[in-house]
């Protein structure tokens, strides 16, 4: 097993701080971690309301357990350079301590802010809350000046196949548990602090090299990963005990994620900026509504849903060709303006098709309501069914159908990405003139990207209409297109996992930040700005995008090259 020394990504001043104060790193980290753990057994709030009642002594609430987790990880990472060195042989504990400490500070600050806002005053913060903040600050200071440590290369580490499989299963099970737990949280403060704690753990794991190791392990056991991901997604409704509240959010998340994956073909692969993509989702939804057989439906023909879905895809793809053909000679800002105008034209058009300003197809601003429940092969999606004594409501039924749709879209995306067409799209995104000079059919591939992405969005729209039971123009405004684009950029352009994570966060955060009232969009925008400042390539970016944003980082380039080699060897 090869041993490497981590190269610090620090300025000269930071290195001098490490040399000057490195001897204090151990006491600071140990004291900070201990204070975080101790604070969890003290009272954080005088008022029992905030954060799920963090008032009692000696009985930690779920939010206080996150302080314990951060403290225990701080101790483990510090001792990983000493007594626990055999456990953390390939993990860079020195690099992991810094983001863990800063994440703990963010967590403690959010705890104090949540208590202040939910109990109307900073005076309601009890000593336990302040002790958690002091512990987090001490751990952050210690992590900032911790000396470098030798560690084995995570890409060269070898573990038993069973160990790798168990780790993959544990990660997927944790994702299922955390998702179910996050949806059950009624307090916005609890959700925000959960996000901060899990973000701190995730960034610390990434800095230490855990994700690089996990990526190679996942490549070796791809079938296990795929089966585990399917199992986690399938089992989620069984954790809700028939709750409609969480399942309705889950169905909206999948619709949003599926539509974002379609947009990822246009933006992530072909590099075409589309600010009116929500119109294609709306086209599919209106097609399904007009042919649904509802009392307010405007077309008397009610074909089977599979036929309706095919028609919705064709209509959306046709709109993609209509907008693409005359405008794909332009690019950049001009293309963005044209697609933005198309999205507004679609909204205004369906708003005016009320029989007064145009044909009565959409009932104008009133929309089409009373859409019947979907019925496929005799299965009524509106009825509650029971499996193993667990009730599955209409939202759970639509959830399973949308999972199949998501699997279809992911399959299409992956196949296209790994094909000659996908390589052509990437070439166009990187340099359109060079791609055309090399014989790539630039115009044809651009049209295919627009039409293909639009067709997938239209298919999702046909299901969305039945799931929502109504369609109206105000569901397809520009803000929705902006959120879809943000999901692609935030998660990681050109990747599947990144877009799924980005779409999930962007759909969940506005729901869970409702306690901020009118300020939630402001806070949400600030988080996006910070994200673009410190990680512009996205949460789970492709290697190519990482190098684009960090082209001068030779260490990153070497690591990505080595990661590619290890991944190819693992797959072989």
Protein backbone atom coordinates (compact mmCIF):
# COMPACT_ATOMS: atom_id res chain seq x y z
CA UNK A 1 0.00 0.00 0.00
CA UNK A 2 1.55 3.26 -1.12
CA UNK A 3 1.86 6.12 1.31
CA UNK A 4 1.49 9.74 0.28
CA UNK A 5 1.74 13.02 2.07
CA UNK A 6 -1.18 15.35 1.58
CA UNK A 7 -0.34 18.60 -0.16
CA UNK A 8 -1.99 21.49 1.72
CA UNK A 9 -4.19 23.85 -0.24
CA UNK A 10 -3.24 26.72 2.01
CA UNK A 11 -1.64 30.11 1.65
CA UNK A 12 1.74 30.97 3.19
CA UNK A 13 -0.01 32.66 6.14
CA UNK A 14 -2.02 29.53 6.88
CA UNK A 15 1.10 27.38 6.78
CA UNK A 16 2.83 29.72 9.21
CA UNK A 17 -0.18 29.46 11.54
CA UNK A 18 0.09 25.68 11.42
CA UNK A 19 3.80 25.79 12.24
CA UNK A 20 3.33 28.38 14.98
CA UNK A 21 0.22 27.04 16.69
CA UNK A 22 0.16 23.39 15.59
CA UNK A 23 1.07 22.24 19.12
CA UNK A 24 -2.26 23.63 20.35
CA UNK A 25 -4.31 21.70 17.79
CA UNK A 26 -4.73 18.63 19.99
CA UNK A 27 -5.95 20.42 23.14
CA UNK A 28 -8.27 22.63 21.10
CA UNK A 29 -9.84 19.75 19.16
CA UNK A 30 -10.18 17.54 22.25
CA UNK A 31 -11.63 20.32 24.40
CA UNK A 32 -14.02 21.44 21.66
CA UNK A 33 -15.26 17.92 20.91
CA UNK A 34 -15.72 17.21 24.63
CA UNK A 35 -17.71 20.42 25.13
CA UNK A 36 -19.94 19.57 22.15
CA UNK A 37 -20.73 16.17 23.62
CA UNK A 38 -21.31 17.54 27.12
CA UNK A 39 -23.55 20.34 25.83
CA UNK A 40 -25.98 17.78 24.41
CA UNK A 41 -26.85 16.68 27.97
CA UNK A 42 -27.54 20.25 29.11
CA UNK A 43 -30.48 22.52 28.41
CA UNK A 44 -30.24 24.57 25.21
CA UNK A 45 -33.47 26.55 25.46
CA UNK A 46 -35.64 28.00 28.21
CA UNK A 47 -38.67 27.58 25.95
CA UNK A 48 -39.57 23.90 25.26
CA UNK A 49 -40.87 24.73 21.78
CA UNK A 50 -37.76 25.20 19.60
CA UNK A 51 -35.88 22.32 17.96
CA UNK A 52 -38.10 19.56 19.28
CA UNK A 53 -37.78 20.48 22.98
CA UNK A 54 -34.08 20.89 23.80
CA UNK A 55 -34.94 22.18 27.29
CA UNK A 56 -34.55 19.08 29.52
CA UNK A 57 -31.26 18.17 31.19
CA UNK A 58 -29.79 14.71 30.66
CA UNK A 59 -32.27 13.72 27.95
CA UNK A 60 -30.91 14.82 24.55
CA UNK A 61 -33.39 15.64 21.80
CA UNK A 62 -32.67 14.41 18.24
CA UNK A 63 -31.05 17.75 17.35
CA UNK A 64 -28.71 17.43 20.33
CA UNK A 65 -27.63 14.01 19.13
CA UNK A 66 -26.12 15.73 16.09
CA UNK A 67 -23.84 17.67 18.44
CA UNK A 68 -22.78 14.33 19.94
CA UNK A 69 -22.09 12.93 16.46
CA UNK A 70 -19.96 15.97 15.53
CA UNK A 71 -18.05 15.73 18.81
CA UNK A 72 -17.43 12.00 18.51
CA UNK A 73 -16.21 12.43 14.93
CA UNK A 74 -13.87 15.21 16.06
CA UNK A 75 -12.36 12.88 18.68
CA UNK A 76 -12.13 10.01 16.20
CA UNK A 77 -10.41 12.15 13.56
CA UNK A 78 -7.89 13.49 16.05
CA UNK A 79 -7.01 10.08 17.45
CA UNK A 80 -6.92 8.79 13.86
CA UNK A 81 -3.37 10.14 13.76
CA UNK A 82 -2.44 8.17 16.87
CA UNK A 83 -4.19 5.28 18.68
CA UNK A 84 -6.77 4.82 15.90
CA UNK A 85 -4.24 5.07 13.09
CA UNK A 86 -4.92 1.50 11.91
CA UNK A 87 -8.60 2.33 11.40
CA UNK A 88 -7.92 5.55 9.48
CA UNK A 89 -4.97 4.28 7.45
CA UNK A 90 -6.10 5.83 4.16
CA UNK A 91 -8.31 8.63 5.54
CA UNK A 92 -6.75 12.12 5.71
CA UNK A 93 -7.96 13.04 9.20
CA UNK A 94 -6.01 16.32 9.21
CA UNK A 95 -7.89 17.61 6.18
CA UNK A 96 -11.21 16.32 7.50
CA UNK A 97 -10.94 18.12 10.85
CA UNK A 98 -11.07 21.61 9.31
CA UNK A 99 -14.46 21.33 7.49
CA UNK A 100 -15.86 19.32 10.40
CA UNK A 101 -14.97 22.13 12.82
CA UNK A 102 -16.34 24.89 10.62
CA UNK A 103 -19.48 22.84 9.97
CA UNK A 104 -19.93 22.43 13.74
CA UNK A 105 -19.71 26.23 14.13
CA UNK A 106 -22.42 26.70 11.47
CA UNK A 107 -24.53 24.07 13.24
CA UNK A 108 -24.18 25.78 16.64
CA UNK A 109 -24.91 29.24 15.21
CA UNK A 110 -28.06 27.93 13.51
CA UNK A 111 -29.13 26.32 16.79
CA UNK A 112 -28.87 29.68 18.58
CA UNK A 113 -30.64 31.51 15.74
CA UNK A 114 -33.46 28.96 15.67
CA UNK A 115 -34.00 29.23 19.42
CA UNK A 116 -33.92 33.04 19.18
CA UNK A 117 -36.44 33.21 16.32
CA UNK A 118 -38.81 30.53 17.60
CA UNK A 119 -38.87 31.76 21.20
CA UNK A 120 -38.71 35.51 20.48
CA UNK A 121 -35.42 36.42 22.08
CA UNK A 122 -31.75 35.60 22.50
CA UNK A 123 -32.30 35.53 26.26
CA UNK A 124 -34.06 32.18 25.87
CA UNK A 125 -30.81 30.44 24.89
CA UNK A 126 -29.68 28.41 27.91
CA UNK A 127 -26.01 27.70 28.80
CA UNK A 128 -26.02 24.40 26.92
CA UNK A 129 -26.52 26.21 23.62
CA UNK A 130 -23.66 28.62 24.30
CA UNK A 131 -21.44 25.73 25.42
CA UNK A 132 -22.09 23.98 22.10
CA UNK A 133 -21.00 27.15 20.27
CA UNK A 134 -17.81 27.46 22.34
CA UNK A 135 -16.99 23.79 21.72
CA UNK A 136 -17.57 24.16 17.98
CA UNK A 137 -15.33 27.25 17.80
CA UNK A 138 -12.54 25.48 19.70
CA UNK A 139 -12.77 22.45 17.42
CA UNK A 140 -12.70 24.69 14.34
CA UNK A 141 -9.60 26.53 15.61
CA UNK A 142 -7.87 23.23 16.32
CA UNK A 143 -8.80 21.85 12.92
CA UNK A 144 -7.47 25.01 11.26
CA UNK A 145 -3.95 24.62 12.69
CA UNK A 146 -3.68 20.82 12.80
CA UNK A 147 -0.36 19.67 11.24
CA UNK A 148 -0.26 17.51 8.13
CA UNK A 149 -0.33 13.75 8.54
CA UNK A 150 0.87 10.91 6.41
CA UNK A 151 -1.91 8.70 5.12
CA UNK A 152 -2.35 5.92 2.59
CA UNK A 153 -3.87 6.76 -0.77
CA UNK A 154 -7.62 5.92 -0.59
CA UNK A 155 -7.59 5.04 -4.29
CA UNK A 156 -4.96 2.37 -3.67
CA UNK A 157 -6.53 0.90 -0.54
CA UNK A 158 -7.79 -2.64 -0.76
CA UNK A 159 -10.60 -4.00 1.37
CA UNK A 160 -12.61 -7.20 1.43
CA UNK A 161 -15.51 -7.27 -1.03
CA UNK A 162 -17.88 -7.93 1.84
CA UNK A 163 -16.61 -4.85 3.67
CA UNK A 164 -17.15 -2.71 0.58
CA UNK A 165 -20.65 -4.12 0.07
CA UNK A 166 -21.54 -3.53 3.73
CA UNK A 167 -20.33 0.07 3.49
CA UNK A 168 -22.44 0.67 0.36
CA UNK A 169 -25.51 -0.85 2.05
CA UNK A 170 -24.90 1.25 5.18
CA UNK A 171 -24.65 4.45 3.14
CA UNK A 172 -27.89 3.69 1.27
CA UNK A 173 -29.68 2.74 4.50
CA UNK A 174 -28.49 6.00 6.10
CA UNK A 175 -29.84 7.93 3.11
CA UNK A 176 -33.24 6.25 3.54
CA UNK A 177 -33.32 6.97 7.28
CA UNK A 178 -32.23 10.60 6.93
CA UNK A 179 -34.73 11.28 4.13
CA UNK A 180 -37.61 9.83 6.13
CA UNK A 181 -36.45 11.71 9.23
CA UNK A 182 -36.09 15.02 7.39
CA UNK A 183 -39.59 14.77 5.92
CA UNK A 184 -41.08 14.07 9.35
CA UNK A 185 -39.59 17.25 10.82
CA UNK A 186 -42.24 19.88 11.35
CA UNK A 187 -39.86 22.53 12.69
CA UNK A 188 -37.89 24.48 10.11
CA UNK A 189 -35.13 24.98 12.66
CA UNK A 190 -34.70 21.23 13.09
CA UNK A 191 -34.45 20.77 9.32
CA UNK A 192 -31.86 23.53 8.93
CA UNK A 193 -29.69 22.22 11.78
CA UNK A 194 -29.96 18.68 10.37
CA UNK A 195 -28.80 20.02 7.01
CA UNK A 196 -25.86 21.82 8.64
CA UNK A 197 -24.76 18.76 10.64
CA UNK A 198 -25.01 16.38 7.71
CA UNK A 199 -23.29 18.91 5.45
CA UNK A 200 -20.38 19.13 7.91
CA UNK A 201 -20.04 15.34 8.00
CA UNK A 202 -20.28 15.06 4.20
CA UNK A 203 -17.67 17.74 3.49
CA UNK A 204 -15.32 16.29 6.10
CA UNK A 205 -15.71 12.85 4.51
CA UNK A 206 -15.05 14.33 1.06
CA UNK A 207 -11.90 16.13 2.22
CA UNK A 208 -10.63 13.01 3.91
CA UNK A 209 -11.00 10.90 0.77
CA UNK A 210 -13.99 8.77 1.76
CA UNK A 211 -15.97 9.59 -1.37
CA UNK A 212 -13.04 8.69 -3.63
CA UNK A 213 -12.80 5.30 -1.93
CA UNK A 214 -16.58 4.87 -2.12
CA UNK A 215 -16.61 5.72 -5.81
CA UNK A 216 -14.10 2.98 -6.59
CA UNK A 217 -16.01 0.52 -4.37
CA UNK A 218 -19.27 1.42 -6.12
CA UNK A 219 -17.66 0.82 -9.51
CA UNK A 220 -16.56 -2.64 -8.36
CA UNK A 221 -20.03 -3.48 -7.04
CA UNK A 222 -22.24 -1.54 -9.45
CA UNK A 223 -25.01 -4.14 -9.39
CA UNK A 224 -25.14 -4.04 -5.59
CA UNK A 225 -25.30 -0.25 -5.70
CA UNK A 226 -28.11 -0.19 -8.26
CA UNK A 227 -30.13 -2.88 -6.47
CA UNK A 228 -29.61 -1.09 -3.15
CA UNK A 229 -30.68 2.26 -4.59
CA UNK A 230 -33.82 0.69 -6.08
CA UNK A 231 -34.58 -1.04 -2.78
CA UNK A 232 -34.16 2.20 -0.81
CA UNK A 233 -36.43 4.12 -3.17
CA UNK A 234 -39.01 1.30 -3.17
CA UNK A 235 -39.04 0.96 0.63
CA UNK A 236 -39.50 4.67 1.33
CA UNK A 237 -43.37 4.64 1.27
CA UNK A 238 -43.33 1.80 3.80
CA UNK A 239 -41.60 4.11 6.31
CA UNK A 240 -44.45 6.65 6.23
CA UNK A 241 -47.26 4.53 7.71
CA UNK A 242 -49.83 5.87 5.25
CA UNK A 243 -48.94 9.54 5.72
CA UNK A 244 -50.12 11.66 2.79
CA UNK A 245 -48.16 14.76 3.81
CA UNK A 246 -44.71 13.29 3.24
CA UNK A 247 -45.68 11.19 0.23
CA UNK A 248 -47.14 14.22 -1.56
CA UNK A 249 -43.79 15.98 -1.14
CA UNK A 250 -41.95 12.85 -2.30
CA UNK A 251 -44.00 12.64 -5.50
CA UNK A 252 -43.35 16.31 -6.25
CA UNK A 253 -39.63 15.73 -5.66
CA UNK A 254 -39.54 12.86 -8.18
CA UNK A 255 -41.47 14.85 -10.81
CA UNK A 256 -39.08 17.76 -10.28
CA UNK A 257 -36.01 15.50 -10.40
CA UNK A 258 -37.20 13.68 -13.52
CA UNK A 259 -37.84 16.97 -15.31
CA UNK A 260 -34.43 18.26 -14.19
CA UNK A 261 -32.78 15.14 -15.67
CA UNK A 262 -34.40 15.97 -19.00
CA UNK A 263 -33.07 19.52 -18.73
CA UNK A 264 -29.67 18.06 -17.90
CA UNK A 265 -29.50 16.69 -21.46
CA UNK A 266 -29.97 20.20 -22.85
CA UNK A 267 -27.82 22.10 -20.34
CA UNK A 268 -25.46 19.55 -18.83
CA UNK A 269 -24.52 17.61 -21.96
CA UNK A 270 -25.16 19.93 -24.91
CA UNK A 271 -24.41 23.16 -23.03
CA UNK A 272 -27.57 24.96 -24.25
CA UNK A 273 -28.97 27.39 -21.70
CA UNK A 274 -32.76 26.90 -21.53
CA UNK A 275 -34.76 29.25 -19.29
CA UNK A 276 -38.20 28.14 -20.44
CA UNK A 277 -38.02 24.40 -19.91
CA UNK A 278 -41.07 24.32 -17.64
CA UNK A 279 -43.21 24.93 -20.75
CA UNK A 280 -42.50 21.39 -21.99
CA UNK A 281 -43.69 19.92 -18.68
CA UNK A 282 -46.80 22.09 -18.94
CA UNK A 283 -47.47 20.97 -22.52
CA UNK A 284 -47.54 17.34 -21.47
CA UNK A 285 -49.76 18.13 -18.48
CA UNK A 286 -52.28 20.06 -20.59
CA UNK A 287 -52.42 17.30 -23.19
CA UNK A 288 -53.25 14.77 -20.45
CA UNK A 289 -55.83 17.13 -18.90
CA UNK A 290 -57.61 17.84 -22.19
CA UNK A 291 -57.87 14.10 -22.96
CA UNK A 292 -58.59 12.96 -19.42
CA UNK A 293 -62.36 12.70 -19.72
CA UNK A 294 -62.84 15.23 -16.90
CA UNK A 295 -66.05 17.28 -16.80
CA UNK A 296 -64.02 20.36 -17.74
CA UNK A 297 -61.93 18.60 -20.41
CA UNK A 298 -62.05 20.35 -23.77
CA UNK A 299 -61.40 17.37 -26.05
CA UNK A 300 -64.04 14.67 -26.19
CA UNK A 301 -61.60 11.91 -27.11
CA UNK A 302 -60.36 9.86 -24.12
CA UNK A 303 -57.76 7.34 -25.31
CA UNK A 304 -55.87 4.98 -22.96
CA UNK A 305 -53.24 6.68 -20.85
CA UNK A 306 -50.33 5.06 -22.71
CA UNK A 307 -51.59 6.71 -25.90
CA UNK A 308 -52.02 10.03 -24.06
CA UNK A 309 -48.47 9.77 -22.72
CA UNK A 310 -47.14 9.18 -26.23
CA UNK A 311 -49.11 12.14 -27.58
CA UNK A 312 -47.86 14.34 -24.73
CA UNK A 313 -44.27 13.38 -25.55
CA UNK A 314 -44.79 14.12 -29.25
CA UNK A 315 -46.43 17.51 -28.57
CA UNK A 316 -43.62 18.55 -26.23
CA UNK A 317 -40.95 17.30 -28.66
CA UNK A 318 -42.64 19.23 -31.47
CA UNK A 319 -42.55 22.40 -29.37
CA UNK A 320 -38.86 21.71 -28.75
CA UNK A 321 -38.26 21.49 -32.50
CA UNK A 322 -40.31 24.63 -33.14
CA UNK A 323 -38.31 26.67 -30.64
CA UNK A 324 -35.04 24.99 -31.58
CA UNK A 325 -35.06 25.21 -35.36
CA UNK A 326 -34.99 29.00 -35.79
CA UNK A 327 -33.00 29.82 -32.66
CA UNK A 328 -30.15 27.32 -32.41
CA UNK A 329 -28.01 29.44 -34.71
CA UNK A 330 -27.62 31.70 -31.70
CA UNK A 331 -25.97 30.79 -28.40
CA UNK A 332 -25.16 32.08 -24.95
CA UNK A 333 -27.17 35.02 -23.68
CA UNK A 334 -29.23 35.30 -26.87
CA UNK A 335 -30.37 31.69 -26.65
CA UNK A 336 -31.25 32.21 -22.98
CA UNK A 337 -33.41 35.23 -23.88
CA UNK A 338 -35.23 33.32 -26.62
CA UNK A 339 -35.99 30.32 -24.39
CA UNK A 340 -37.12 32.64 -21.60
CA UNK A 341 -39.51 34.30 -24.05
CA UNK A 342 -40.79 30.90 -25.17
CA UNK A 343 -41.64 29.93 -21.61
CA UNK A 344 -43.59 33.17 -21.12
CA UNK A 345 -45.32 32.77 -24.50
CA UNK A 346 -46.52 29.30 -23.46
CA UNK A 347 -47.90 30.58 -20.15
CA UNK A 348 -49.67 33.52 -21.80
CA UNK A 349 -51.01 31.30 -24.59
CA UNK A 350 -52.64 28.76 -22.24
CA UNK A 351 -53.91 31.70 -20.17
CA UNK A 352 -55.67 33.15 -23.24
CA UNK A 353 -57.18 29.95 -24.65
CA UNK A 354 -60.44 30.51 -22.77
CA UNK A 355 -62.89 30.90 -25.66
CA UNK A 356 -62.77 34.69 -25.53
CA UNK A 357 -59.28 35.52 -26.71
CA UNK A 358 -58.76 32.26 -28.56
CA UNK A 359 -60.07 28.70 -28.84
CA UNK A 360 -61.45 27.21 -25.64
CA UNK A 361 -58.80 24.57 -25.05
CA UNK A 362 -57.41 25.33 -21.60
CA UNK A 363 -60.20 27.36 -19.91
CA UNK A 364 -57.72 30.19 -19.48
CA UNK A 365 -56.70 31.13 -15.94
CA UNK A 366 -59.27 28.71 -14.46
CA UNK A 367 -57.41 25.74 -15.90
CA UNK A 368 -58.81 22.23 -16.13
CA UNK A 369 -59.94 20.75 -12.83
CA UNK A 370 -61.47 17.47 -11.73
CA UNK A 371 -59.02 15.30 -13.65
CA UNK A 372 -59.85 11.67 -12.84
CA UNK A 373 -57.43 9.34 -11.15
CA UNK A 374 -55.13 7.38 -13.38
CA UNK A 375 -56.20 3.83 -14.21
CA UNK A 376 -53.64 1.50 -15.76
CA UNK A 377 -54.55 -2.09 -16.61
CA UNK A 378 -57.37 -2.03 -14.06
CA UNK A 379 -55.23 -0.58 -11.26
CA UNK A 380 -56.83 2.56 -9.80
CA UNK A 381 -54.12 4.90 -8.52
CA UNK A 382 -56.64 6.84 -6.43
CA UNK A 383 -57.52 3.95 -4.12
CA UNK A 384 -55.68 2.99 -0.95
CA UNK A 385 -54.03 -0.42 -1.03
CA UNK A 386 -52.40 -2.44 1.72
CA UNK A 387 -49.17 -4.42 1.57
CA UNK A 388 -48.05 -6.31 4.68
CA UNK A 389 -50.59 -4.34 6.71
CA UNK A 390 -49.12 -0.97 5.66
CA UNK A 391 -51.57 1.34 3.87
CA UNK A 392 -50.38 2.82 0.57
CA UNK A 393 -52.42 5.89 -0.35
CA UNK A 394 -52.86 7.49 -3.77
CA UNK A 395 -49.63 9.43 -3.36
CA UNK A 396 -47.72 6.21 -2.72
CA UNK A 397 -49.28 4.69 -5.84
CA UNK A 398 -48.18 7.62 -7.97
CA UNK A 399 -44.79 7.51 -6.25
CA UNK A 400 -44.14 3.98 -7.52
CA UNK A 401 -45.24 4.95 -11.03
CA UNK A 402 -42.96 7.98 -10.96
CA UNK A 403 -40.09 5.76 -9.80
CA UNK A 404 -40.51 3.73 -12.98
CA UNK A 405 -40.53 6.97 -14.97
CA UNK A 406 -37.37 8.16 -13.21
CA UNK A 407 -35.68 4.82 -13.96
CA UNK A 408 -36.62 5.20 -17.63
CA UNK A 409 -35.26 8.76 -17.81
CA UNK A 410 -32.03 7.78 -16.02
CA UNK A 411 -31.54 4.86 -18.43
CA UNK A 412 -32.07 7.13 -21.44
CA UNK A 413 -29.71 9.75 -20.03
CA UNK A 414 -26.93 7.27 -19.21
CA UNK A 415 -27.20 5.51 -22.58
CA UNK A 416 -27.10 8.80 -24.46
CA UNK A 417 -24.23 10.10 -22.34
CA UNK A 418 -22.12 7.03 -23.10
CA UNK A 419 -22.97 6.96 -26.81
CA UNK A 420 -21.56 8.70 -29.86
CA UNK A 421 -24.41 11.20 -29.58
CA UNK A 422 -23.44 12.03 -25.99
CA UNK A 423 -19.82 12.55 -26.98
CA UNK A 424 -21.00 14.85 -29.75
CA UNK A 425 -23.03 16.89 -27.25
CA UNK A 426 -20.03 17.21 -24.94
CA UNK A 427 -17.88 18.32 -27.88
CA UNK A 428 -20.44 21.00 -28.75
CA UNK A 429 -20.54 22.16 -25.14
CA UNK A 430 -16.77 22.43 -24.94
CA UNK A 431 -16.15 24.16 -28.28
CA UNK A 432 -18.88 24.36 -30.91
CA UNK A 433 -16.61 25.59 -33.71
CA UNK A 434 -14.02 22.89 -33.10
CA UNK A 435 -16.74 20.22 -32.99
CA UNK A 436 -18.17 21.41 -36.31
CA UNK A 437 -14.69 21.45 -37.85
CA UNK A 438 -14.24 17.81 -36.78
CA UNK A 439 -17.41 16.77 -38.61
CA UNK A 440 -19.92 16.82 -35.74
CA UNK A 441 -23.47 17.59 -36.93
CA UNK A 442 -23.88 20.52 -34.57
CA UNK A 443 -27.33 21.69 -35.67
CA UNK A 444 -28.82 18.19 -35.77
CA UNK A 445 -27.48 17.26 -32.34
CA UNK A 446 -28.73 20.52 -30.85
CA UNK A 447 -32.21 19.82 -32.22
CA UNK A 448 -32.06 16.27 -30.87
CA UNK A 449 -31.10 17.60 -27.41
CA UNK A 450 -34.02 20.03 -27.40
CA UNK A 451 -36.53 17.51 -28.74
CA UNK A 452 -35.33 14.64 -26.52
CA UNK A 453 -35.28 16.72 -23.34
CA UNK A 454 -38.70 18.19 -24.16
CA UNK A 455 -40.19 14.71 -24.80
CA UNK A 456 -39.03 13.45 -21.39
CA UNK A 457 -40.51 16.53 -19.70
CA UNK A 458 -43.79 16.05 -21.56
CA UNK A 459 -43.98 12.42 -20.38
CA UNK A 460 -43.51 13.57 -16.77
CA UNK A 461 -46.21 16.21 -17.31
CA UNK A 462 -48.83 13.66 -18.35
CA UNK A 463 -48.43 11.88 -15.01
CA UNK A 464 -48.25 15.14 -13.06
CA UNK A 465 -51.66 16.23 -14.37
CA UNK A 466 -53.37 13.13 -12.94
CA UNK A 467 -51.41 13.31 -9.70
CA UNK A 468 -52.34 16.99 -9.15
CA UNK A 469 -55.95 16.44 -10.34
CA UNK A 470 -55.83 19.90 -12.01
CA UNK A 471 -53.69 22.09 -14.26
CA UNK A 472 -53.54 25.89 -14.41
CA UNK A 473 -51.18 28.46 -15.98
CA UNK A 474 -49.75 29.62 -12.63
CA UNK A 475 -48.06 26.21 -12.20
CA UNK A 476 -45.70 26.90 -15.10
CA UNK A 477 -44.13 30.28 -14.40
CA UNK A 478 -40.53 31.34 -15.03
CA UNK A 479 -39.55 30.72 -11.40
CA UNK A 480 -40.09 26.99 -11.92
CA UNK A 481 -37.73 27.00 -14.90
CA UNK A 482 -35.16 28.86 -12.80
CA UNK A 483 -35.46 26.24 -10.04
CA UNK A 484 -34.97 23.43 -12.56
CA UNK A 485 -31.84 25.09 -13.92
CA UNK A 486 -30.59 25.68 -10.38
CA UNK A 487 -31.06 21.98 -9.59
CA UNK A 488 -28.86 21.01 -12.55
CA UNK A 489 -26.14 23.52 -11.72
CA UNK A 490 -26.25 22.97 -7.95
CA UNK A 491 -26.14 19.18 -8.15
CA UNK A 492 -23.57 18.90 -10.92
CA UNK A 493 -24.07 19.38 -14.65
CA UNK A 494 -23.87 16.22 -16.72
CA UNK A 495 -24.33 13.78 -13.85
CA UNK A 496 -27.30 11.73 -12.69
CA UNK A 497 -26.62 11.54 -8.95
CA UNK A 498 -25.81 15.25 -8.76
CA UNK A 499 -29.06 16.32 -10.40
CA UNK A 500 -31.09 13.98 -8.18
CA UNK A 501 -29.45 15.43 -5.05
CA UNK A 502 -29.81 19.01 -6.29
CA UNK A 503 -33.46 18.56 -7.23
CA UNK A 504 -34.25 16.93 -3.88
CA UNK A 505 -32.63 19.76 -1.92
CA UNK A 506 -34.25 22.50 -4.00
CA UNK A 507 -37.70 20.96 -3.62
CA UNK A 508 -37.37 20.18 0.09
CA UNK A 509 -35.72 23.40 1.26
CA UNK A 510 -38.53 25.83 0.29
CA UNK A 511 -41.04 23.49 1.98
CA UNK A 512 -39.01 23.25 5.18
CA UNK A 513 -38.06 26.95 5.25
CA UNK A 514 -41.65 28.17 5.42
CA UNK A 515 -41.04 29.34 9.00
CA UNK A 516 -38.92 32.13 7.50
CA UNK A 517 -42.03 33.44 5.76
CA UNK A 518 -41.12 36.15 3.25
CA UNK A 519 -37.39 35.73 3.92
CA UNK A 520 -37.13 32.09 2.82
CA UNK A 521 -36.37 32.93 -0.81
CA UNK A 522 -33.76 35.45 0.35
CA UNK A 523 -32.08 32.82 2.54
CA UNK A 524 -32.37 30.27 -0.23
CA UNK A 525 -30.73 32.68 -2.69
CA UNK A 526 -27.91 33.39 -0.25
CA UNK A 527 -27.22 29.65 0.08
CA UNK A 528 -27.03 29.34 -3.71
CA UNK A 529 -24.61 32.28 -3.93
CA UNK A 530 -22.38 30.72 -1.28
CA UNK A 531 -22.55 27.40 -3.07
CA UNK A 532 -21.51 28.93 -6.37
CA UNK A 533 -18.69 30.78 -4.64
CA UNK A 534 -17.12 27.84 -2.81
CA UNK A 535 -18.14 24.89 -5.02
CA UNK A 536 -19.15 26.16 -8.47
CA UNK A 537 -18.84 22.71 -10.05
CA UNK A 538 -21.78 21.41 -7.98
CA UNK A 539 -22.29 19.02 -5.10
CA UNK A 540 -21.57 15.84 -7.07
CA UNK A 541 -19.79 17.05 -10.20
CA UNK A 542 -18.30 15.10 -13.05
CA UNK A 543 -14.51 14.98 -13.20
CA UNK A 544 -14.51 17.14 -16.33
CA UNK A 545 -16.49 19.91 -14.62
CA UNK A 546 -14.17 19.83 -11.60
CA UNK A 547 -11.15 20.38 -13.79
CA UNK A 548 -12.90 23.18 -15.69
CA UNK A 549 -13.37 25.15 -12.49
CA UNK A 550 -10.06 24.16 -10.92
CA UNK A 551 -7.80 23.90 -13.94
CA UNK A 552 -4.77 25.22 -12.05
CA UNK A 553 -5.02 22.58 -9.30
CA UNK A 554 -2.40 20.03 -10.26
CA UNK A 555 -3.13 17.87 -7.23
CA UNK A 556 -6.80 17.63 -8.23
CA UNK A 557 -5.87 16.75 -11.80
CA UNK A 558 -3.57 13.95 -10.62
CA UNK A 559 -6.23 12.66 -8.23
CA UNK A 560 -8.92 12.63 -10.93
CA UNK A 561 -6.61 10.86 -13.36
CA UNK A 562 -5.79 8.24 -10.73
CA UNK A 563 -9.47 7.92 -9.86
CA UNK A 564 -10.31 7.23 -13.51
CA UNK A 565 -7.65 4.54 -13.68
CA UNK A 566 -8.83 2.88 -10.47
CA UNK A 567 -12.48 3.06 -11.54
CA UNK A 568 -11.71 1.46 -14.91
CA UNK A 569 -9.69 -1.28 -13.20
CA UNK A 570 -12.53 -1.88 -10.71
CA UNK A 571 -15.10 -2.12 -13.49
CA UNK A 572 -12.87 -4.52 -15.41
